[in-house]
Amino acid sequence: MRAPQALLGALAAAVVAILLTGCGLVSSSGTFHDARLPNGEQPLDGAKIVVTSKSFTEGVLLGKITATYLAAAGAKITDLTGAPGSASSRQAQLNGDADVLWEYTGTGWVTYHNETEIISDPHELWQRVHDVEQRDNQLIWLPPANFDDTYAFGASGPTAQRLGVHSLSDVAALPVADRTFCVDDEFFSRSDGFLPMLEKYGIPYNTPDGVPAGNVTRMDAGVVYTATANSSPCNFGMIYTTDGRVKNLHLVVLDDDRKFFLPYSGTAVVREEILDRYPQIRPLIATLSERLTNDLMQDLNARVDIDGEDPADVAYDWLKSEKLVQ
């Protein structure tokens, strides 16, 4: 059955590509729940807003939360969350086909503007991205939320305790035999990824006193989490700080104490034209941003990726639990 399924998948992908090219962005993940603000006010009454997102779990969740909340505030929302691939949602916003998209400051800096300077201060990085995006693309990066979905290394609880490690500097101080890592191919080869990180911490790759090549196992990103939780074949694995599996698998996130990794602060990006037309968007997004933390995003992501819940349901339940909608 695999060959026909693969063919159908390819045909579906081709159809999506045609739709994206010919008719603008299309939604691939359904709709959101109807709701209203608890006070009954509708500060966005009459507004027409298109919300998009990337297709990975956290992106879709943020899009559903935003679509649900802005609709509750009275806006007529077009839900284009779950756009296939990262480029399509970004391009839709640049083209003016989408108005609101959650992004990450590190992505804006490295991927969209090809910058190589490492800026470890989250506010400074946000300001730099904000300024260049407003100047070049008329996109407003609103003040970021309180979560940072950046790269990190994790270990199982027992392994962290046995080796006495809390930070990457602690890892660098271990005997060579204990410095074993699981990473995916993309992170291994990134200019801001594994090899320069090892250099930063004084344990260069493929050196006898650093990290010998045999100490590094390259595998699919999804397998890294279970390998790290099992401490086999590695003591330390590359993770994302807001991934639901961090909490579910009881992984310990090691402190990047030399500040190698860029901040990837979650940030709502709004077309300047739309924000000028509907300035009420700004305080509404701020209400969401101030509540979104690493712990919360781990929980919400886990409800989708581990428990199998629908992102629209998770978004609505969370907004209700915060008494932001009814």
C-alpha atoms as a PDB file:
ATOM      1  CA  MET A   1       0.000   0.000   0.000  1.00  0.00           C
ATOM      2  CA  ARG A   2       2.932   2.364   0.391  1.00  0.00           C
ATOM      3  CA  ALA A   3       3.429   3.180  -3.306  1.00  0.00           C
ATOM      4  CA  PRO A   4      -0.186   4.301  -4.000  1.00  0.00           C
ATOM      5  CA  GLN A   5      -0.211   6.319  -0.761  1.00  0.00           C
ATOM      6  CA  ALA A   6       3.021   8.015  -1.724  1.00  0.00           C
ATOM      7  CA  LEU A   7       1.582   8.811  -5.151  1.00  0.00           C
ATOM      8  CA  LEU A   8      -1.545  10.312  -3.610  1.00  0.00           C
ATOM      9  CA  GLY A   9       0.622  12.352  -1.275  1.00  0.00           C
ATOM     10  CA  ALA A  10       2.653  13.665  -4.172  1.00  0.00           C
ATOM     11  CA  LEU A  11      -0.495  14.560  -6.112  1.00  0.00           C
ATOM     12  CA  ALA A  12      -1.908  16.358  -3.096  1.00  0.00           C
ATOM     13  CA  ALA A  13       1.319  18.296  -2.676  1.00  0.00           C
ATOM     14  CA  ALA A  14       1.206  19.261  -6.336  1.00  0.00           C
ATOM     15  CA  VAL A  15      -2.370  20.513  -6.001  1.00  0.00           C
ATOM     16  CA  VAL A  16      -1.400  22.613  -2.995  1.00  0.00           C
ATOM     17  CA  ALA A  17       1.571  24.036  -4.895  1.00  0.00           C
ATOM     18  CA  ILE A  18      -0.691  25.006  -7.813  1.00  0.00           C
ATOM     19  CA  LEU A  19      -3.164  26.675  -5.484  1.00  0.00           C
ATOM     20  CA  LEU A  20      -0.401  28.585  -3.763  1.00  0.00           C
ATOM     21  CA  THR A  21       1.014  29.760  -7.079  1.00  0.00           C
ATOM     22  CA  GLY A  22      -2.208  30.611  -8.864  1.00  0.00           C
ATOM     23  CA  CYS A  23      -4.734  31.679  -6.270  1.00  0.00           C
ATOM     24  CA  GLY A  24      -2.819  32.697  -3.175  1.00  0.00           C
ATOM     25  CA  LEU A  25      -2.426  30.865   0.115  1.00  0.00           C
ATOM     26  CA  VAL A  26      -4.922  28.186   1.087  1.00  0.00           C
ATOM     27  CA  SER A  27      -5.752  26.836   4.514  1.00  0.00           C
ATOM     28  CA  SER A  28      -4.733  23.280   5.276  1.00  0.00           C
ATOM     29  CA  SER A  29      -5.984  22.876   8.834  1.00  0.00           C
ATOM     30  CA  GLY A  30      -9.663  23.749   9.045  1.00  0.00           C
ATOM     31  CA  THR A  31     -11.235  26.429  11.183  1.00  0.00           C
ATOM     32  CA  PHE A  32     -11.381  27.755  14.730  1.00  0.00           C
ATOM     33  CA  HIS A  33     -14.029  27.927  17.449  1.00  0.00           C
ATOM     34  CA  ASP A  34     -16.583  30.706  17.711  1.00  0.00           C
ATOM     35  CA  ALA A  35     -16.245  32.734  20.904  1.00  0.00           C
ATOM     36  CA  ARG A  36     -16.742  36.197  22.322  1.00  0.00           C
ATOM     37  CA  LEU A  37     -14.964  38.408  24.803  1.00  0.00           C
ATOM     38  CA  PRO A  38     -16.229  38.083  28.385  1.00  0.00           C
ATOM     39  CA  ASN A  39     -17.262  41.741  28.543  1.00  0.00           C
ATOM     40  CA  GLY A  40     -19.188  41.509  25.281  1.00  0.00           C
ATOM     41  CA  GLU A  41     -17.151  44.280  23.664  1.00  0.00           C
ATOM     42  CA  GLN A  42     -16.090  44.051  20.032  1.00  0.00           C
ATOM     43  CA  PRO A  43     -13.104  46.360  19.534  1.00  0.00           C
ATOM     44  CA  LEU A  44     -12.448  44.847  16.095  1.00  0.00           C
ATOM     45  CA  ASP A  45     -16.032  45.020  14.852  1.00  0.00           C
ATOM     46  CA  GLY A  46     -15.956  45.385  11.066  1.00  0.00           C
ATOM     47  CA  ALA A  47     -12.272  44.451  10.729  1.00  0.00           C
ATOM     48  CA  LYS A  48     -11.269  41.880   8.112  1.00  0.00           C
ATOM     49  CA  ILE A  49      -8.070  40.053   9.044  1.00  0.00           C
ATOM     50  CA  VAL A  50      -6.272  37.082   7.511  1.00  0.00           C
ATOM     51  CA  VAL A  51      -4.355  34.928  10.009  1.00  0.00           C
ATOM     52  CA  THR A  52      -1.799  32.454   8.715  1.00  0.00           C
ATOM     53  CA  SER A  53       0.772  30.152  10.298  1.00  0.00           C
ATOM     54  CA  LYS A  54       3.456  27.670   9.434  1.00  0.00           C
ATOM     55  CA  SER A  55       2.543  24.004   9.451  1.00  0.00           C
ATOM     56  CA  PHE A  56       4.379  22.739  12.547  1.00  0.00           C
ATOM     57  CA  THR A  57       2.432  22.245  15.770  1.00  0.00           C
ATOM     58  CA  GLU A  58       3.466  25.362  17.656  1.00  0.00           C
ATOM     59  CA  GLY A  59       2.903  27.603  14.646  1.00  0.00           C
ATOM     60  CA  VAL A  60      -0.596  26.219  14.102  1.00  0.00           C
ATOM     61  CA  LEU A  61      -1.452  26.568  17.805  1.00  0.00           C
ATOM     62  CA  LEU A  62      -0.359  30.198  17.868  1.00  0.00           C
ATOM     63  CA  GLY A  63      -2.361  30.850  14.717  1.00  0.00           C
ATOM     64  CA  LYS A  64      -5.494  29.219  16.166  1.00  0.00           C
ATOM     65  CA  ILE A  65      -5.154  31.133  19.440  1.00  0.00           C
ATOM     66  CA  THR A  66      -4.818  34.389  17.539  1.00  0.00           C
ATOM     67  CA  ALA A  67      -7.625  33.686  15.066  1.00  0.00           C
ATOM     68  CA  THR A  68     -10.012  32.664  17.862  1.00  0.00           C
ATOM     69  CA  TYR A  69      -9.208  35.664  20.026  1.00  0.00           C
ATOM     70  CA  LEU A  70      -9.337  38.302  17.296  1.00  0.00           C
ATOM     71  CA  ALA A  71     -12.615  36.829  16.031  1.00  0.00           C
ATOM     72  CA  ALA A  72     -13.998  36.986  19.575  1.00  0.00           C
ATOM     73  CA  ALA A  73     -13.083  40.668  19.510  1.00  0.00           C
ATOM     74  CA  GLY A  74     -15.350  41.145  16.493  1.00  0.00           C
ATOM     75  CA  ALA A  75     -13.044  40.665  13.514  1.00  0.00           C
ATOM     76  CA  LYS A  76     -14.041  38.671  10.464  1.00  0.00           C
ATOM     77  CA  ILE A  77     -11.161  36.210  10.317  1.00  0.00           C
ATOM     78  CA  THR A  78      -9.947  34.242   7.341  1.00  0.00           C
ATOM     79  CA  ASP A  79      -8.122  31.231   8.788  1.00  0.00           C
ATOM     80  CA  LEU A  80      -5.101  30.243   6.701  1.00  0.00           C
ATOM     81  CA  THR A  81      -3.241  28.478   9.488  1.00  0.00           C
ATOM     82  CA  GLY A  82      -1.113  25.452   8.714  1.00  0.00           C
ATOM     83  CA  ALA A  83       0.368  26.738   5.466  1.00  0.00           C
ATOM     84  CA  PRO A  84       2.589  24.017   3.967  1.00  0.00           C
ATOM     85  CA  GLY A  85       6.265  24.928   4.362  1.00  0.00           C
ATOM     86  CA  SER A  86       7.769  27.954   6.034  1.00  0.00           C
ATOM     87  CA  ALA A  87       8.114  30.018   2.877  1.00  0.00           C
ATOM     88  CA  SER A  88       4.454  30.049   1.860  1.00  0.00           C
ATOM     89  CA  SER A  89       3.130  31.789   4.996  1.00  0.00           C
ATOM     90  CA  ARG A  90       5.968  34.295   4.956  1.00  0.00           C
ATOM     91  CA  GLN A  91       5.508  34.992   1.252  1.00  0.00           C
ATOM     92  CA  ALA A  92       1.761  35.397   1.697  1.00  0.00           C
ATOM     93  CA  GLN A  93       2.388  38.116   4.263  1.00  0.00           C
ATOM     94  CA  LEU A  94       4.972  39.835   2.076  1.00  0.00           C
ATOM     95  CA  ASN A  95       2.492  39.715  -0.813  1.00  0.00           C
ATOM     96  CA  GLY A  96      -0.280  41.214   1.319  1.00  0.00           C
ATOM     97  CA  ASP A  97      -2.356  38.006   1.154  1.00  0.00           C
ATOM     98  CA  ALA A  98      -2.050  37.408   4.915  1.00  0.00           C
ATOM     99  CA  ASP A  99      -2.034  39.917   7.756  1.00  0.00           C
ATOM    100  CA  VAL A 100      -0.909  38.162  10.957  1.00  0.00           C
ATOM    101  CA  LEU A 101       1.780  35.496  11.355  1.00  0.00           C
ATOM    102  CA  TRP A 102       3.705  34.316  14.403  1.00  0.00           C
ATOM    103  CA  GLU A 103       7.445  34.280  13.783  1.00  0.00           C
ATOM    104  CA  TYR A 104      10.695  33.892  15.718  1.00  0.00           C
ATOM    105  CA  THR A 105      13.331  36.574  16.113  1.00  0.00           C
ATOM    106  CA  GLY A 106      16.166  34.169  15.317  1.00  0.00           C
ATOM    107  CA  THR A 107      14.397  33.131  12.112  1.00  0.00           C
ATOM    108  CA  GLY A 108      13.964  36.749  11.083  1.00  0.00           C
ATOM    109  CA  TRP A 109      17.618  37.515  11.707  1.00  0.00           C
ATOM    110  CA  VAL A 110      19.305  34.445  10.228  1.00  0.00           C
ATOM    111  CA  THR A 111      16.873  33.048   7.662  1.00  0.00           C
ATOM    112  CA  TYR A 112      15.158  36.143   6.304  1.00  0.00           C
ATOM    113  CA  HIS A 113      18.025  38.624   6.497  1.00  0.00           C
ATOM    114  CA  ASN A 114      21.053  36.318   6.284  1.00  0.00           C
ATOM    115  CA  GLU A 115      22.743  37.861   9.301  1.00  0.00           C
ATOM    116  CA  THR A 116      25.558  35.949  10.997  1.00  0.00           C
ATOM    117  CA  GLU A 117      26.185  38.158  14.032  1.00  0.00           C
ATOM    118  CA  ILE A 118      25.245  36.371  17.247  1.00  0.00           C
ATOM    119  CA  ILE A 119      23.076  38.660  19.386  1.00  0.00           C
ATOM    120  CA  SER A 120      22.378  36.933  22.676  1.00  0.00           C
ATOM    121  CA  ASP A 121      20.228  39.649  24.238  1.00  0.00           C
ATOM    122  CA  PRO A 122      16.590  38.873  23.325  1.00  0.00           C
ATOM    123  CA  HIS A 123      15.422  42.504  23.394  1.00  0.00           C
ATOM    124  CA  GLU A 124      18.303  43.734  21.258  1.00  0.00           C
ATOM    125  CA  LEU A 125      17.714  40.999  18.692  1.00  0.00           C
ATOM    126  CA  TRP A 126      13.991  41.766  18.576  1.00  0.00           C
ATOM    127  CA  GLN A 127      14.705  45.482  18.102  1.00  0.00           C
ATOM    128  CA  ARG A 128      17.146  44.837  15.272  1.00  0.00           C
ATOM    129  CA  VAL A 129      14.698  42.527  13.500  1.00  0.00           C
ATOM    130  CA  HIS A 130      11.806  44.923  14.171  1.00  0.00           C
ATOM    131  CA  ASP A 131      13.645  47.843  12.611  1.00  0.00           C
ATOM    132  CA  VAL A 132      14.832  46.092   9.446  1.00  0.00           C
ATOM    133  CA  GLU A 133      11.471  44.408   8.862  1.00  0.00           C
ATOM    134  CA  GLN A 134       9.533  47.653   9.207  1.00  0.00           C
ATOM    135  CA  ARG A 135      11.977  49.464   6.923  1.00  0.00           C
ATOM    136  CA  ASP A 136      12.264  46.807   4.224  1.00  0.00           C
ATOM    137  CA  ASN A 137       8.920  44.994   4.321  1.00  0.00           C
ATOM    138  CA  GLN A 138       6.440  47.219   6.182  1.00  0.00           C
ATOM    139  CA  LEU A 139       5.931  44.429   8.699  1.00  0.00           C
ATOM    140  CA  ILE A 140       5.611  45.221  12.402  1.00  0.00           C
ATOM    141  CA  TRP A 141       7.140  42.714  14.807  1.00  0.00           C
ATOM    142  CA  LEU A 142       5.118  43.344  17.956  1.00  0.00           C
ATOM    143  CA  PRO A 143       6.833  42.981  21.360  1.00  0.00           C
ATOM    144  CA  PRO A 144       7.634  39.287  21.794  1.00  0.00           C
ATOM    145  CA  ALA A 145       5.848  36.800  23.988  1.00  0.00           C
ATOM    146  CA  ASN A 146       7.452  35.292  27.079  1.00  0.00           C
ATOM    147  CA  PHE A 147       8.658  32.123  25.371  1.00  0.00           C
ATOM    148  CA  ASP A 148      11.832  31.309  23.473  1.00  0.00           C
ATOM    149  CA  ASP A 149      11.691  28.303  21.144  1.00  0.00           C
ATOM    150  CA  THR A 150      15.417  28.073  20.614  1.00  0.00           C
ATOM    151  CA  TYR A 151      17.924  25.261  20.289  1.00  0.00           C
ATOM    152  CA  ALA A 152      19.191  23.612  23.448  1.00  0.00           C
ATOM    153  CA  PHE A 153      20.683  20.385  24.676  1.00  0.00           C
ATOM    154  CA  GLY A 154      18.852  18.089  27.013  1.00  0.00           C
ATOM    155  CA  ALA A 155      19.612  15.033  29.111  1.00  0.00           C
ATOM    156  CA  SER A 156      17.513  12.527  30.990  1.00  0.00           C
ATOM    157  CA  GLY A 157      17.006  13.345  34.656  1.00  0.00           C
ATOM    158  CA  PRO A 158      19.053  10.365  35.868  1.00  0.00           C
ATOM    159  CA  THR A 159      21.898  11.151  33.452  1.00  0.00           C
ATOM    160  CA  ALA A 160      22.027  14.817  34.452  1.00  0.00           C
ATOM    161  CA  GLN A 161      22.122  13.799  38.110  1.00  0.00           C
ATOM    162  CA  ARG A 162      24.704  11.049  37.614  1.00  0.00           C
ATOM    163  CA  LEU A 163      27.052  13.326  35.683  1.00  0.00           C
ATOM    164  CA  GLY A 164      26.317  16.419  37.771  1.00  0.00           C
ATOM    165  CA  VAL A 165      25.560  18.637  34.779  1.00  0.00           C
ATOM    166  CA  HIS A 166      23.358  21.717  34.675  1.00  0.00           C
ATOM    167  CA  SER A 167      24.941  23.652  31.814  1.00  0.00           C
ATOM    168  CA  LEU A 168      26.881  23.141  28.595  1.00  0.00           C
ATOM    169  CA  SER A 169      30.020  24.271  30.400  1.00  0.00           C
ATOM    170  CA  ASP A 170      29.474  21.349  32.774  1.00  0.00           C
ATOM    171  CA  VAL A 171      29.289  19.046  29.755  1.00  0.00           C
ATOM    172  CA  ALA A 172      32.541  20.480  28.415  1.00  0.00           C
ATOM    173  CA  ALA A 173      34.230  19.637  31.728  1.00  0.00           C
ATOM    174  CA  LEU A 174      33.240  15.946  31.578  1.00  0.00           C
ATOM    175  CA  PRO A 175      35.634  13.185  30.562  1.00  0.00           C
ATOM    176  CA  VAL A 176      35.738  12.735  26.791  1.00  0.00           C
ATOM    177  CA  ALA A 177      33.943   9.389  26.971  1.00  0.00           C
ATOM    178  CA  ASP A 178      30.892  11.027  28.571  1.00  0.00           C
ATOM    179  CA  ARG A 179      30.581  13.765  25.915  1.00  0.00           C
ATOM    180  CA  THR A 180      28.218  11.867  23.639  1.00  0.00           C
ATOM    181  CA  PHE A 181      25.644  13.689  21.518  1.00  0.00           C
ATOM    182  CA  CYS A 182      22.615  12.982  19.329  1.00  0.00           C
ATOM    183  CA  VAL A 183      21.840  15.590  16.658  1.00  0.00           C
ATOM    184  CA  ASP A 184      20.006  15.730  13.368  1.00  0.00           C
ATOM    185  CA  ASP A 185      21.751  16.378  10.049  1.00  0.00           C
ATOM    186  CA  GLU A 186      20.393  19.900   9.661  1.00  0.00           C
ATOM    187  CA  PHE A 187      21.618  21.031  13.077  1.00  0.00           C
ATOM    188  CA  PHE A 188      24.968  19.317  12.527  1.00  0.00           C
ATOM    189  CA  SER A 189      25.633  21.369   9.393  1.00  0.00           C
ATOM    190  CA  ARG A 190      24.149  24.753  10.364  1.00  0.00           C
ATOM    191  CA  SER A 191      26.484  27.740  10.552  1.00  0.00           C
ATOM    192  CA  ASP A 192      24.911  28.497  13.941  1.00  0.00           C
ATOM    193  CA  GLY A 193      24.615  24.832  14.919  1.00  0.00           C
ATOM    194  CA  PHE A 194      26.553  21.961  16.436  1.00  0.00           C
ATOM    195  CA  LEU A 195      30.146  22.428  15.264  1.00  0.00           C
ATOM    196  CA  PRO A 196      30.486  26.135  16.125  1.00  0.00           C
ATOM    197  CA  MET A 197      28.729  25.440  19.440  1.00  0.00           C
ATOM    198  CA  LEU A 198      31.418  22.919  20.329  1.00  0.00           C
ATOM    199  CA  GLU A 199      34.074  25.492  19.424  1.00  0.00           C
ATOM    200  CA  LYS A 200      32.382  28.050  21.660  1.00  0.00           C
ATOM    201  CA  TYR A 201      32.579  25.654  24.595  1.00  0.00           C
ATOM    202  CA  GLY A 202      36.192  24.653  23.932  1.00  0.00           C
ATOM    203  CA  ILE A 203      35.510  21.042  22.901  1.00  0.00           C
ATOM    204  CA  PRO A 204      35.968  21.099  19.112  1.00  0.00           C
ATOM    205  CA  TYR A 205      34.607  18.309  16.941  1.00  0.00           C
ATOM    206  CA  ASN A 206      36.732  15.367  15.838  1.00  0.00           C
ATOM    207  CA  THR A 207      39.622  16.058  18.192  1.00  0.00           C
ATOM    208  CA  PRO A 208      40.913  13.634  20.826  1.00  0.00           C
ATOM    209  CA  ASP A 209      40.423  16.075  23.705  1.00  0.00           C
ATOM    210  CA  GLY A 210      37.204  17.567  22.349  1.00  0.00           C
ATOM    211  CA  VAL A 211      34.366  15.541  20.862  1.00  0.00           C
ATOM    212  CA  PRO A 212      35.600  12.635  18.720  1.00  0.00           C
ATOM    213  CA  ALA A 213      33.499  11.888  15.666  1.00  0.00           C
ATOM    214  CA  GLY A 214      32.525   8.562  17.195  1.00  0.00           C
ATOM    215  CA  ASN A 215      30.855  10.392  20.097  1.00  0.00           C
ATOM    216  CA  VAL A 216      28.264  11.958  17.784  1.00  0.00           C
ATOM    217  CA  THR A 217      25.238  10.088  16.426  1.00  0.00           C
ATOM    218  CA  ARG A 218      23.264  11.745  13.644  1.00  0.00           C
ATOM    219  CA  MET A 219      19.601  10.741  13.437  1.00  0.00           C
ATOM    220  CA  ASP A 220      16.133  12.039  12.610  1.00  0.00           C
ATOM    221  CA  ALA A 221      15.154  14.976  14.837  1.00  0.00           C
ATOM    222  CA  GLY A 222      12.150  13.133  16.258  1.00  0.00           C
ATOM    223  CA  VAL A 223      14.253  10.161  17.362  1.00  0.00           C
ATOM    224  CA  VAL A 224      16.699  12.415  19.218  1.00  0.00           C
ATOM    225  CA  TYR A 225      14.205  12.942  22.055  1.00  0.00           C
ATOM    226  CA  THR A 226      13.670   9.261  22.821  1.00  0.00           C
ATOM    227  CA  ALA A 227      17.387   8.515  22.420  1.00  0.00           C
ATOM    228  CA  THR A 228      18.170  11.270  24.925  1.00  0.00           C
ATOM    229  CA  ALA A 229      15.500  10.074  27.347  1.00  0.00           C
ATOM    230  CA  ASN A 230      16.986   6.561  27.160  1.00  0.00           C
ATOM    231  CA  SER A 231      20.569   7.893  27.403  1.00  0.00           C
ATOM    232  CA  SER A 232      21.402   5.642  24.467  1.00  0.00           C
ATOM    233  CA  PRO A 233      23.349   6.054  22.264  1.00  0.00           C
ATOM    234  CA  CYS A 234      23.995   9.517  23.712  1.00  0.00           C
ATOM    235  CA  ASN A 235      23.984  11.363  27.001  1.00  0.00           C
ATOM    236  CA  PHE A 236      22.940  14.674  25.415  1.00  0.00           C
ATOM    237  CA  GLY A 237      20.517  15.449  22.601  1.00  0.00           C
ATOM    238  CA  MET A 238      19.596  18.535  20.602  1.00  0.00           C
ATOM    239  CA  ILE A 239      16.078  19.702  21.506  1.00  0.00           C
ATOM    240  CA  TYR A 240      13.766  22.670  21.078  1.00  0.00           C
ATOM    241  CA  THR A 241      12.991  24.402  24.347  1.00  0.00           C
ATOM    242  CA  THR A 242       9.199  24.518  23.932  1.00  0.00           C
ATOM    243  CA  ASP A 243       8.735  21.013  22.503  1.00  0.00           C
ATOM    244  CA  GLY A 244       6.069  19.041  24.361  1.00  0.00           C
ATOM    245  CA  ARG A 245       8.353  16.021  24.616  1.00  0.00           C
ATOM    246  CA  VAL A 246      10.716  17.893  26.960  1.00  0.00           C
ATOM    247  CA  LYS A 247       8.216  17.700  29.795  1.00  0.00           C
ATOM    248  CA  ASN A 248       6.610  14.436  28.717  1.00  0.00           C
ATOM    249  CA  LEU A 249       9.955  12.592  28.668  1.00  0.00           C
ATOM    250  CA  HIS A 250      11.226  14.394  31.798  1.00  0.00           C
ATOM    251  CA  LEU A 251      14.240  15.855  30.020  1.00  0.00           C
ATOM    252  CA  VAL A 252      16.531  18.332  31.747  1.00  0.00           C
ATOM    253  CA  VAL A 253      17.305  21.397  29.596  1.00  0.00           C
ATOM    254  CA  LEU A 254      20.946  22.399  29.998  1.00  0.00           C
ATOM    255  CA  ASP A 255      21.779  26.072  30.414  1.00  0.00           C
ATOM    256  CA  ASP A 256      23.532  27.683  27.453  1.00  0.00           C
ATOM    257  CA  ASP A 257      25.708  29.619  29.903  1.00  0.00           C
ATOM    258  CA  ARG A 258      28.066  31.037  27.243  1.00  0.00           C
ATOM    259  CA  LYS A 259      25.079  32.349  25.271  1.00  0.00           C
ATOM    260  CA  PHE A 260      25.874  30.659  21.975  1.00  0.00           C
ATOM    261  CA  PHE A 261      22.357  30.085  20.680  1.00  0.00           C
ATOM    262  CA  LEU A 262      20.350  32.950  19.271  1.00  0.00           C
ATOM    263  CA  PRO A 263      17.086  33.771  21.012  1.00  0.00           C
ATOM    264  CA  TYR A 264      14.057  32.587  19.059  1.00  0.00           C
ATOM    265  CA  SER A 265      11.472  34.699  20.844  1.00  0.00           C
ATOM    266  CA  GLY A 266       7.932  34.070  19.603  1.00  0.00           C
ATOM    267  CA  THR A 267       6.569  37.253  18.055  1.00  0.00           C
ATOM    268  CA  ALA A 268       3.337  38.175  16.312  1.00  0.00           C
ATOM    269  CA  VAL A 269       4.086  39.931  13.022  1.00  0.00           C
ATOM    270  CA  VAL A 270       1.413  42.191  11.543  1.00  0.00           C
ATOM    271  CA  ARG A 271       1.372  44.065   8.257  1.00  0.00           C
ATOM    272  CA  GLU A 272       1.881  47.750   9.007  1.00  0.00           C
ATOM    273  CA  GLU A 273      -1.098  48.739   6.853  1.00  0.00           C
ATOM    274  CA  ILE A 274      -3.400  46.485   8.875  1.00  0.00           C
ATOM    275  CA  LEU A 275      -2.030  47.661  12.206  1.00  0.00           C
ATOM    276  CA  ASP A 276      -2.544  51.285  11.190  1.00  0.00           C
ATOM    277  CA  ARG A 277      -6.098  50.478  10.140  1.00  0.00           C
ATOM    278  CA  TYR A 278      -6.916  48.436  13.244  1.00  0.00           C
ATOM    279  CA  PRO A 279      -4.662  49.654  16.091  1.00  0.00           C
ATOM    280  CA  GLN A 280      -6.778  47.647  18.551  1.00  0.00           C
ATOM    281  CA  ILE A 281      -4.852  44.570  17.375  1.00  0.00           C
ATOM    282  CA  ARG A 282      -1.816  45.704  19.343  1.00  0.00           C
ATOM    283  CA  PRO A 283      -3.264  45.489  22.890  1.00  0.00           C
ATOM    284  CA  LEU A 284      -5.163  42.306  22.032  1.00  0.00           C
ATOM    285  CA  ILE A 285      -1.982  40.555  20.900  1.00  0.00           C
ATOM    286  CA  ALA A 286      -0.173  41.892  23.969  1.00  0.00           C
ATOM    287  CA  THR A 287      -2.784  40.195  26.157  1.00  0.00           C
ATOM    288  CA  LEU A 288      -1.875  36.885  24.537  1.00  0.00           C
ATOM    289  CA  SER A 289       1.889  37.437  24.457  1.00  0.00           C
ATOM    290  CA  GLU A 290       2.242  38.170  28.140  1.00  0.00           C
ATOM    291  CA  ARG A 291       0.675  34.789  28.994  1.00  0.00           C
ATOM    292  CA  LEU A 292       2.694  32.614  26.607  1.00  0.00           C
ATOM    293  CA  THR A 293       5.655  31.029  28.416  1.00  0.00           C
ATOM    294  CA  ASN A 294       8.004  28.123  27.712  1.00  0.00           C
ATOM    295  CA  ASP A 295       6.199  25.896  30.208  1.00  0.00           C
ATOM    296  CA  LEU A 296       2.826  26.731  28.720  1.00  0.00           C
ATOM    297  CA  MET A 297       3.945  26.104  25.138  1.00  0.00           C
ATOM    298  CA  GLN A 298       5.415  22.746  26.188  1.00  0.00           C
ATOM    299  CA  ASP A 299       2.021  21.831  27.652  1.00  0.00           C
ATOM    300  CA  LEU A 300       0.005  23.007  24.658  1.00  0.00           C
ATOM    301  CA  ASN A 301       2.349  21.374  22.143  1.00  0.00           C
ATOM    302  CA  ALA A 302       2.175  18.107  24.096  1.00  0.00           C
ATOM    303  CA  ARG A 303      -1.622  18.112  23.976  1.00  0.00           C
ATOM    304  CA  VAL A 304      -1.396  18.056  20.175  1.00  0.00           C
ATOM    305  CA  ASP A 305       1.731  15.991  19.515  1.00  0.00           C
ATOM    306  CA  ILE A 306       1.410  13.468  22.340  1.00  0.00           C
ATOM    307  CA  ASP A 307      -2.284  13.403  23.284  1.00  0.00           C
ATOM    308  CA  GLY A 308      -3.523  13.808  19.707  1.00  0.00           C
ATOM    309  CA  GLU A 309      -5.879  16.747  20.354  1.00  0.00           C
ATOM    310  CA  ASP A 310      -6.924  19.158  17.620  1.00  0.00           C
ATOM    311  CA  PRO A 311      -5.025  22.485  17.702  1.00  0.00           C
ATOM    312  CA  ALA A 312      -8.274  24.447  17.377  1.00  0.00           C
ATOM    313  CA  ASP A 313      -9.672  22.697  20.474  1.00  0.00           C
ATOM    314  CA  VAL A 314      -6.479  23.243  22.448  1.00  0.00           C
ATOM    315  CA  ALA A 315      -6.405  26.930  21.529  1.00  0.00           C
ATOM    316  CA  TYR A 316     -10.059  27.445  22.504  1.00  0.00           C
ATOM    317  CA  ASP A 317      -9.713  25.521  25.786  1.00  0.00           C
ATOM    318  CA  TRP A 318      -6.671  27.559  26.774  1.00  0.00           C
ATOM    319  CA  LEU A 319      -8.360  30.888  25.981  1.00  0.00           C
ATOM    320  CA  LYS A 320     -11.350  29.812  28.080  1.00  0.00           C
ATOM    321  CA  SER A 321      -9.114  28.697  30.948  1.00  0.00           C
ATOM    322  CA  GLU A 322      -7.511  32.151  30.948  1.00  0.00           C
ATOM    323  CA  LYS A 323     -11.005  33.731  30.907  1.00  0.00           C
ATOM    324  CA  LEU A 324     -10.104  35.571  27.713  1.00  0.00           C
ATOM    325  CA  VAL A 325     -13.129  34.233  25.818  1.00  0.00           C
ATOM    326  CA  GLN A 326     -16.445  32.637  26.613  1.00  0.00           C
END
